[in-house]
Amino acid sequence: MRYPMKNEDIEAVEALVKKWTSSRQWAEQLLVDSLGLASVEDILNPEHKGNKQIPKTEWFYRTHGVGVDKNWPNLIDNDNSNPSYFN
């Protein structure tokens, strides 16, 4: 059985989509600026693939398939060498 969405549900989803879009745009720009990419799609080129730290930051990224995960600094392991998310 499907439940009808209430106005407050729709507003909450719209707010979440705005926040996600904003976060994604920030992450894309961080990658472009930090790695000197011509476009964010260039992150999928062979030289950028894998689990790597974003230069001059505590952030890490991991390429996979046609996408990229970013990892929060507080998830870095004790010696700051690998994000615990990927261990």
PDB file of N, CA and C in Angstrom:
ATOM      1  N   MET A   1       0.842  -1.182   0.000  1.00  0.00           N
ATOM      2  CA  MET A   1       0.000   0.000   0.000  1.00  0.00           C
ATOM      3  C   MET A   1       0.882   1.239   0.000  1.00  0.00           C
ATOM      4  N   ARG A   2       0.565   2.166  -0.852  1.00  0.00           N
ATOM      5  CA  ARG A   2       1.304   3.429  -0.920  1.00  0.00           C
ATOM      6  C   ARG A   2       0.601   4.475  -0.070  1.00  0.00           C
ATOM      7  N   TYR A   3       1.412   5.258   0.597  1.00  0.00           N
ATOM      8  CA  TYR A   3       0.875   6.324   1.424  1.00  0.00           C
ATOM      9  C   TYR A   3       1.047   7.648   0.698  1.00  0.00           C
ATOM     10  N   PRO A   4       0.032   8.500   0.749  1.00  0.00           N
ATOM     11  CA  PRO A   4       0.165   9.801   0.080  1.00  0.00           C
ATOM     12  C   PRO A   4       1.201  10.658   0.805  1.00  0.00           C
ATOM     13  N   MET A   5       1.969  11.404   0.029  1.00  0.00           N
ATOM     14  CA  MET A   5       2.962  12.302   0.631  1.00  0.00           C
ATOM     15  C   MET A   5       2.265  13.558   1.131  1.00  0.00           C
ATOM     16  N   LYS A   6       2.635  13.951   2.314  1.00  0.00           N
ATOM     17  CA  LYS A   6       2.115  15.187   2.885  1.00  0.00           C
ATOM     18  C   LYS A   6       2.982  16.344   2.414  1.00  0.00           C
ATOM     19  N   ASN A   7       2.444  17.550   2.499  1.00  0.00           N
ATOM     20  CA  ASN A   7       3.205  18.728   2.085  1.00  0.00           C
ATOM     21  C   ASN A   7       4.529  18.835   2.818  1.00  0.00           C
ATOM     22  N   GLU A   8       4.543  18.530   4.124  1.00  0.00           N
ATOM     23  CA  GLU A   8       5.798  18.628   4.877  1.00  0.00           C
ATOM     24  C   GLU A   8       6.805  17.571   4.418  1.00  0.00           C
ATOM     25  N   ASP A   9       6.312  16.421   3.929  1.00  0.00           N
ATOM     26  CA  ASP A   9       7.210  15.408   3.379  1.00  0.00           C
ATOM     27  C   ASP A   9       7.866  15.914   2.100  1.00  0.00           C
ATOM     28  N   ILE A  10       7.067  16.506   1.254  1.00  0.00           N
ATOM     29  CA  ILE A  10       7.569  17.047  -0.011  1.00  0.00           C
ATOM     30  C   ILE A  10       8.583  18.146   0.266  1.00  0.00           C
ATOM     31  N   GLU A  11       8.290  19.025   1.212  1.00  0.00           N
ATOM     32  CA  GLU A  11       9.216  20.105   1.565  1.00  0.00           C
ATOM     33  C   GLU A  11      10.523  19.547   2.126  1.00  0.00           C
ATOM     34  N   ALA A  12      10.449  18.497   2.932  1.00  0.00           N
ATOM     35  CA  ALA A  12      11.652  17.886   3.504  1.00  0.00           C
ATOM     36  C   ALA A  12      12.513  17.263   2.397  1.00  0.00           C
ATOM     37  N   VAL A  13      11.882  16.599   1.443  1.00  0.00           N
ATOM     38  CA  VAL A  13      12.621  16.002   0.328  1.00  0.00           C
ATOM     39  C   VAL A  13      13.270  17.099  -0.514  1.00  0.00           C
ATOM     40  N   GLU A  14      12.540  18.157  -0.784  1.00  0.00           N
ATOM     41  CA  GLU A  14      13.095  19.270  -1.570  1.00  0.00           C
ATOM     42  C   GLU A  14      14.292  19.893  -0.862  1.00  0.00           C
ATOM     43  N   ALA A  15      14.216  20.055   0.454  1.00  0.00           N
ATOM     44  CA  ALA A  15      15.324  20.615   1.225  1.00  0.00           C
ATOM     45  C   ALA A  15      16.538  19.679   1.190  1.00  0.00           C
ATOM     46  N   LEU A  16      16.286  18.382   1.298  1.00  0.00           N
ATOM     47  CA  LEU A  16      17.366  17.404   1.253  1.00  0.00           C
ATOM     48  C   LEU A  16      18.053  17.410  -0.108  1.00  0.00           C
ATOM     49  N   VAL A  17      17.283  17.488  -1.168  1.00  0.00           N
ATOM     50  CA  VAL A  17      17.858  17.519  -2.516  1.00  0.00           C
ATOM     51  C   VAL A  17      18.711  18.768  -2.686  1.00  0.00           C
ATOM     52  N   LYS A  18      18.268  19.910  -2.170  1.00  0.00           N
ATOM     53  CA  LYS A  18      19.051  21.153  -2.250  1.00  0.00           C
ATOM     54  C   LYS A  18      20.385  20.994  -1.529  1.00  0.00           C
ATOM     55  N   LYS A  19      20.354  20.412  -0.336  1.00  0.00           N
ATOM     56  CA  LYS A  19      21.588  20.228   0.435  1.00  0.00           C
ATOM     57  C   LYS A  19      22.522  19.247  -0.260  1.00  0.00           C
ATOM     58  N   TRP A  20      21.988  18.152  -0.796  1.00  0.00           N
ATOM     59  CA  TRP A  20      22.808  17.177  -1.492  1.00  0.00           C
ATOM     60  C   TRP A  20      23.440  17.798  -2.728  1.00  0.00           C
ATOM     61  N   THR A  21      22.665  18.553  -3.494  1.00  0.00           N
ATOM     62  CA  THR A  21      23.168  19.203  -4.702  1.00  0.00           C
ATOM     63  C   THR A  21      24.281  20.181  -4.349  1.00  0.00           C
ATOM     64  N   SER A  22      24.086  20.947  -3.299  1.00  0.00           N
ATOM     65  CA  SER A  22      25.092  21.905  -2.862  1.00  0.00           C
ATOM     66  C   SER A  22      26.372  21.196  -2.441  1.00  0.00           C
ATOM     67  N   SER A  23      26.246  20.117  -1.691  1.00  0.00           N
ATOM     68  CA  SER A  23      27.408  19.337  -1.257  1.00  0.00           C
ATOM     69  C   SER A  23      28.138  18.734  -2.448  1.00  0.00           C
ATOM     70  N   ARG A  24      27.397  18.216  -3.396  1.00  0.00           N
ATOM     71  CA  ARG A  24      28.010  17.620  -4.587  1.00  0.00           C
ATOM     72  C   ARG A  24      28.759  18.672  -5.390  1.00  0.00           C
ATOM     73  N   GLN A  25      28.156  19.845  -5.577  1.00  0.00           N
ATOM     74  CA  GLN A  25      28.815  20.910  -6.329  1.00  0.00           C
ATOM     75  C   GLN A  25      30.105  21.345  -5.636  1.00  0.00           C
ATOM     76  N   TRP A  26      30.064  21.436  -4.294  1.00  0.00           N
ATOM     77  CA  TRP A  26      31.261  21.799  -3.533  1.00  0.00           C
ATOM     78  C   TRP A  26      32.353  20.756  -3.736  1.00  0.00           C
ATOM     79  N   ALA A  27      32.002  19.467  -3.651  1.00  0.00           N
ATOM     80  CA  ALA A  27      32.981  18.388  -3.796  1.00  0.00           C
ATOM     81  C   ALA A  27      33.566  18.370  -5.211  1.00  0.00           C
ATOM     82  N   GLU A  28      32.728  18.585  -6.208  1.00  0.00           N
ATOM     83  CA  GLU A  28      33.212  18.628  -7.586  1.00  0.00           C
ATOM     84  C   GLU A  28      34.213  19.763  -7.766  1.00  0.00           C
ATOM     85  N   GLN A  29      33.897  20.932  -7.224  1.00  0.00           N
ATOM     86  CA  GLN A  29      34.789  22.078  -7.361  1.00  0.00           C
ATOM     87  C   GLN A  29      36.095  21.847  -6.606  1.00  0.00           C
ATOM     88  N   LEU A  30      36.014  21.218  -5.432  1.00  0.00           N
ATOM     89  CA  LEU A  30      37.211  20.886  -4.673  1.00  0.00           C
ATOM     90  C   LEU A  30      38.141  19.994  -5.496  1.00  0.00           C
ATOM     91  N   LEU A  31      37.593  18.974  -6.141  1.00  0.00           N
ATOM     92  CA  LEU A  31      38.401  18.082  -6.973  1.00  0.00           C
ATOM     93  C   LEU A  31      39.002  18.820  -8.167  1.00  0.00           C
ATOM     94  N   VAL A  32      38.212  19.612  -8.845  1.00  0.00           N
ATOM     95  CA  VAL A  32      38.694  20.355 -10.017  1.00  0.00           C
ATOM     96  C   VAL A  32      39.830  21.285  -9.615  1.00  0.00           C
ATOM     97  N   ASP A  33      39.628  22.057  -8.547  1.00  0.00           N
ATOM     98  CA  ASP A  33      40.641  23.026  -8.114  1.00  0.00           C
ATOM     99  C   ASP A  33      41.894  22.343  -7.573  1.00  0.00           C
ATOM    100  N   SER A  34      41.719  21.333  -6.740  1.00  0.00           N
ATOM    101  CA  SER A  34      42.857  20.685  -6.084  1.00  0.00           C
ATOM    102  C   SER A  34      43.707  19.851  -7.034  1.00  0.00           C
ATOM    103  N   LEU A  35      43.075  19.248  -8.018  1.00  0.00           N
ATOM    104  CA  LEU A  35      43.805  18.371  -8.932  1.00  0.00           C
ATOM    105  C   LEU A  35      44.100  19.035 -10.275  1.00  0.00           C
ATOM    106  N   GLY A  36      43.660  20.276 -10.444  1.00  0.00           N
ATOM    107  CA  GLY A  36      43.901  20.987 -11.691  1.00  0.00           C
ATOM    108  C   GLY A  36      43.217  20.354 -12.885  1.00  0.00           C
ATOM    109  N   LEU A  37      42.000  19.880 -12.674  1.00  0.00           N
ATOM    110  CA  LEU A  37      41.251  19.217 -13.746  1.00  0.00           C
ATOM    111  C   LEU A  37      40.591  20.242 -14.660  1.00  0.00           C
ATOM    112  N   ALA A  38      40.487  19.913 -15.936  1.00  0.00           N
ATOM    113  CA  ALA A  38      39.753  20.770 -16.870  1.00  0.00           C
ATOM    114  C   ALA A  38      38.255  20.679 -16.601  1.00  0.00           C
ATOM    115  N   SER A  39      37.802  19.474 -16.232  1.00  0.00           N
ATOM    116  CA  SER A  39      36.399  19.271 -15.869  1.00  0.00           C
ATOM    117  C   SER A  39      36.342  18.162 -14.831  1.00  0.00           C
ATOM    118  N   VAL A  40      35.264  18.094 -14.089  1.00  0.00           N
ATOM    119  CA  VAL A  40      35.152  17.097 -13.029  1.00  0.00           C
ATOM    120  C   VAL A  40      35.182  15.674 -13.590  1.00  0.00           C
ATOM    121  N   GLU A  41      34.749  15.479 -14.812  1.00  0.00           N
ATOM    122  CA  GLU A  41      34.769  14.148 -15.427  1.00  0.00           C
ATOM    123  C   GLU A  41      36.189  13.607 -15.580  1.00  0.00           C
ATOM    124  N   ASP A  42      37.175  14.501 -15.619  1.00  0.00           N
ATOM    125  CA  ASP A  42      38.568  14.080 -15.763  1.00  0.00           C
ATOM    126  C   ASP A  42      39.066  13.281 -14.561  1.00  0.00           C
ATOM    127  N   ILE A  43      38.339  13.307 -13.445  1.00  0.00           N
ATOM    128  CA  ILE A  43      38.714  12.524 -12.273  1.00  0.00           C
ATOM    129  C   ILE A  43      38.720  11.030 -12.598  1.00  0.00           C
ATOM    130  N   LEU A  44      37.993  10.632 -13.635  1.00  0.00           N
ATOM    131  CA  LEU A  44      37.911   9.220 -14.005  1.00  0.00           C
ATOM    132  C   LEU A  44      39.035   8.785 -14.945  1.00  0.00           C
ATOM    133  N   ASN A  45      39.939   9.702 -15.299  1.00  0.00           N
ATOM    134  CA  ASN A  45      41.095   9.330 -16.117  1.00  0.00           C
ATOM    135  C   ASN A  45      42.012   8.421 -15.305  1.00  0.00           C
ATOM    136  N   PRO A  46      42.747   7.532 -15.981  1.00  0.00           N
ATOM    137  CA  PRO A  46      43.572   6.538 -15.281  1.00  0.00           C
ATOM    138  C   PRO A  46      44.517   7.108 -14.222  1.00  0.00           C
ATOM    139  N   GLU A  47      45.102   8.256 -14.469  1.00  0.00           N
ATOM    140  CA  GLU A  47      46.066   8.807 -13.511  1.00  0.00           C
ATOM    141  C   GLU A  47      45.440   9.251 -12.189  1.00  0.00           C
ATOM    142  N   HIS A  48      44.114   9.390 -12.145  1.00  0.00           N
ATOM    143  CA  HIS A  48      43.429   9.815 -10.917  1.00  0.00           C
ATOM    144  C   HIS A  48      42.683   8.677 -10.235  1.00  0.00           C
ATOM    145  N   LYS A  49      42.653   7.504 -10.853  1.00  0.00           N
ATOM    146  CA  LYS A  49      41.867   6.394 -10.293  1.00  0.00           C
ATOM    147  C   LYS A  49      42.477   5.859  -9.016  1.00  0.00           C
ATOM    148  N   GLY A  50      41.603   5.359  -8.144  1.00  0.00           N
ATOM    149  CA  GLY A  50      42.041   4.727  -6.910  1.00  0.00           C
ATOM    150  C   GLY A  50      41.620   5.495  -5.673  1.00  0.00           C
ATOM    151  N   ASN A  51      42.231   5.138  -4.550  1.00  0.00           N
ATOM    152  CA  ASN A  51      42.007   5.828  -3.267  1.00  0.00           C
ATOM    153  C   ASN A  51      43.147   6.805  -3.076  1.00  0.00           C
ATOM    154  N   LYS A  52      42.854   8.085  -3.071  1.00  0.00           N
ATOM    155  CA  LYS A  52      43.920   9.086  -2.970  1.00  0.00           C
ATOM    156  C   LYS A  52      43.491  10.248  -2.089  1.00  0.00           C
ATOM    157  N   GLN A  53      44.492  10.879  -1.488  1.00  0.00           N
ATOM    158  CA  GLN A  53      44.223  12.078  -0.705  1.00  0.00           C
ATOM    159  C   GLN A  53      44.133  13.272  -1.647  1.00  0.00           C
ATOM    160  N   ILE A  54      43.221  14.163  -1.366  1.00  0.00           N
ATOM    161  CA  ILE A  54      43.101  15.392  -2.146  1.00  0.00           C
ATOM    162  C   ILE A  54      44.214  16.317  -1.668  1.00  0.00           C
ATOM    163  N   PRO A  55      45.083  16.770  -2.578  1.00  0.00           N
ATOM    164  CA  PRO A  55      46.236  17.577  -2.182  1.00  0.00           C
ATOM    165  C   PRO A  55      45.858  18.786  -1.314  1.00  0.00           C
ATOM    166  N   LYS A  56      46.712  19.030  -0.332  1.00  0.00           N
ATOM    167  CA  LYS A  56      46.592  20.185   0.569  1.00  0.00           C
ATOM    168  C   LYS A  56      45.315  20.163   1.405  1.00  0.00           C
ATOM    169  N   THR A  57      44.711  18.978   1.571  1.00  0.00           N
ATOM    170  CA  THR A  57      43.516  18.839   2.412  1.00  0.00           C
ATOM    171  C   THR A  57      43.655  17.567   3.238  1.00  0.00           C
ATOM    172  N   GLU A  58      42.732  17.367   4.138  1.00  0.00           N
ATOM    173  CA  GLU A  58      42.655  16.112   4.877  1.00  0.00           C
ATOM    174  C   GLU A  58      41.640  15.166   4.235  1.00  0.00           C
ATOM    175  N   TRP A  59      41.092  15.559   3.095  1.00  0.00           N
ATOM    176  CA  TRP A  59      40.064  14.788   2.415  1.00  0.00           C
ATOM    177  C   TRP A  59      40.673  13.719   1.521  1.00  0.00           C
ATOM    178  N   PHE A  60      39.929  12.636   1.345  1.00  0.00           N
ATOM    179  CA  PHE A  60      40.293  11.565   0.432  1.00  0.00           C
ATOM    180  C   PHE A  60      39.173  11.379  -0.575  1.00  0.00           C
ATOM    181  N   TYR A  61      39.526  10.832  -1.735  1.00  0.00           N
ATOM    182  CA  TYR A  61      38.505  10.429  -2.699  1.00  0.00           C
ATOM    183  C   TYR A  61      38.818   9.027  -3.176  1.00  0.00           C
ATOM    184  N   ARG A  62      37.804   8.347  -3.678  1.00  0.00           N
ATOM    185  CA  ARG A  62      37.945   7.010  -4.243  1.00  0.00           C
ATOM    186  C   ARG A  62      37.113   6.948  -5.507  1.00  0.00           C
ATOM    187  N   THR A  63      37.754   6.640  -6.608  1.00  0.00           N
ATOM    188  CA  THR A  63      37.005   6.480  -7.856  1.00  0.00           C
ATOM    189  C   THR A  63      36.465   5.055  -7.924  1.00  0.00           C
ATOM    190  N   HIS A  64      35.326   4.910  -8.556  1.00  0.00           N
ATOM    191  CA  HIS A  64      34.719   3.590  -8.751  1.00  0.00           C
ATOM    192  C   HIS A  64      33.755   3.674  -9.919  1.00  0.00           C
ATOM    193  N   GLY A  65      33.887   2.758 -10.856  1.00  0.00           N
ATOM    194  CA  GLY A  65      32.981   2.744 -12.000  1.00  0.00           C
ATOM    195  C   GLY A  65      32.940   4.102 -12.672  1.00  0.00           C
ATOM    196  N   VAL A  66      31.777   4.729 -12.621  1.00  0.00           N
ATOM    197  CA  VAL A  66      31.622   6.061 -13.217  1.00  0.00           C
ATOM    198  C   VAL A  66      31.387   7.110 -12.132  1.00  0.00           C
ATOM    199  N   GLY A  67      31.873   6.839 -10.924  1.00  0.00           N
ATOM    200  CA  GLY A  67      31.623   7.778  -9.840  1.00  0.00           C
ATOM    201  C   GLY A  67      32.815   7.959  -8.925  1.00  0.00           C
ATOM    202  N   VAL A  68      32.596   8.798  -7.918  1.00  0.00           N
ATOM    203  CA  VAL A  68      33.624   9.134  -6.942  1.00  0.00           C
ATOM    204  C   VAL A  68      32.974   9.256  -5.575  1.00  0.00           C
ATOM    205  N   ASP A  69      33.627   8.681  -4.566  1.00  0.00           N
ATOM    206  CA  ASP A  69      33.224   8.902  -3.177  1.00  0.00           C
ATOM    207  C   ASP A  69      34.214   9.868  -2.565  1.00  0.00           C
ATOM    208  N   LYS A  70      33.731  10.759  -1.705  1.00  0.00           N
ATOM    209  CA  LYS A  70      34.643  11.604  -0.924  1.00  0.00           C
ATOM    210  C   LYS A  70      34.535  11.133   0.511  1.00  0.00           C
ATOM    211  N   ASN A  71      35.597  11.314   1.251  1.00  0.00           N
ATOM    212  CA  ASN A  71      35.616  10.818   2.614  1.00  0.00           C
ATOM    213  C   ASN A  71      35.939  11.946   3.575  1.00  0.00           C
ATOM    214  N   TRP A  72      35.180  12.013   4.651  1.00  0.00           N
ATOM    215  CA  TRP A  72      35.342  13.056   5.656  1.00  0.00           C
ATOM    216  C   TRP A  72      36.660  12.897   6.394  1.00  0.00           C
ATOM    217  N   PRO A  73      37.289  13.992   6.767  1.00  0.00           N
ATOM    218  CA  PRO A  73      38.559  13.929   7.481  1.00  0.00           C
ATOM    219  C   PRO A  73      38.479  13.149   8.792  1.00  0.00           C
ATOM    220  N   ASN A  74      37.370  13.185   9.498  1.00  0.00           N
ATOM    221  CA  ASN A  74      37.291  12.500  10.789  1.00  0.00           C
ATOM    222  C   ASN A  74      37.182  10.991  10.640  1.00  0.00           C
ATOM    223  N   LEU A  75      37.166  10.469   9.415  1.00  0.00           N
ATOM    224  CA  LEU A  75      37.148   9.031   9.196  1.00  0.00           C
ATOM    225  C   LEU A  75      38.534   8.502   8.817  1.00  0.00           C
ATOM    226  N   ILE A  76      39.538   9.377   8.894  1.00  0.00           N
ATOM    227  CA  ILE A  76      40.897   8.966   8.565  1.00  0.00           C
ATOM    228  C   ILE A  76      41.440   8.109   9.703  1.00  0.00           C
ATOM    229  N   ASP A  77      42.216   7.073   9.378  1.00  0.00           N
ATOM    230  CA  ASP A  77      42.760   6.236  10.440  1.00  0.00           C
ATOM    231  C   ASP A  77      43.868   6.979  11.186  1.00  0.00           C
ATOM    232  N   ASN A  78      44.388   6.380  12.232  1.00  0.00           N
ATOM    233  CA  ASN A  78      45.299   7.067  13.148  1.00  0.00           C
ATOM    234  C   ASN A  78      46.545   7.636  12.496  1.00  0.00           C
ATOM    235  N   ASP A  79      47.113   6.936  11.524  1.00  0.00           N
ATOM    236  CA  ASP A  79      48.331   7.469  10.915  1.00  0.00           C
ATOM    237  C   ASP A  79      48.046   8.321   9.675  1.00  0.00           C
ATOM    238  N   ASN A  80      46.759   8.635   9.457  1.00  0.00           N
ATOM    239  CA  ASN A  80      46.320   9.486   8.337  1.00  0.00           C
ATOM    240  C   ASN A  80      46.705   8.938   6.973  1.00  0.00           C
ATOM    241  N   SER A  81      46.896   7.618   6.857  1.00  0.00           N
ATOM    242  CA  SER A  81      47.313   7.077   5.569  1.00  0.00           C
ATOM    243  C   SER A  81      46.146   6.553   4.732  1.00  0.00           C
ATOM    244  N   ASN A  82      45.103   6.050   5.384  1.00  0.00           N
ATOM    245  CA  ASN A  82      43.976   5.482   4.642  1.00  0.00           C
ATOM    246  C   ASN A  82      42.664   5.847   5.320  1.00  0.00           C
ATOM    247  N   PRO A  83      41.670   6.237   4.529  1.00  0.00           N
ATOM    248  CA  PRO A  83      40.357   6.475   5.135  1.00  0.00           C
ATOM    249  C   PRO A  83      39.784   5.168   5.666  1.00  0.00           C
ATOM    250  N   SER A  84      39.302   5.166   6.878  1.00  0.00           N
ATOM    251  CA  SER A  84      38.765   3.940   7.467  1.00  0.00           C
ATOM    252  C   SER A  84      37.549   3.431   6.690  1.00  0.00           C
ATOM    253  N   TYR A  85      36.856   4.304   6.019  1.00  0.00           N
ATOM    254  CA  TYR A  85      35.700   3.930   5.218  1.00  0.00           C
ATOM    255  C   TYR A  85      36.085   2.891   4.162  1.00  0.00           C
ATOM    256  N   PHE A  86      37.309   2.945   3.667  1.00  0.00           N
ATOM    257  CA  PHE A  86      37.734   2.052   2.606  1.00  0.00           C
ATOM    258  C   PHE A  86      38.485   0.842   3.126  1.00  0.00           C
ATOM    259  N   ASN A  87      38.728   0.735   4.430  1.00  0.00           N
ATOM    260  CA  ASN A  87      39.491  -0.391   4.983  1.00  0.00           C
ATOM    261  C   ASN A  87      38.606  -1.591   5.181  1.00  0.00           C
TER     262      ASN A  87
END
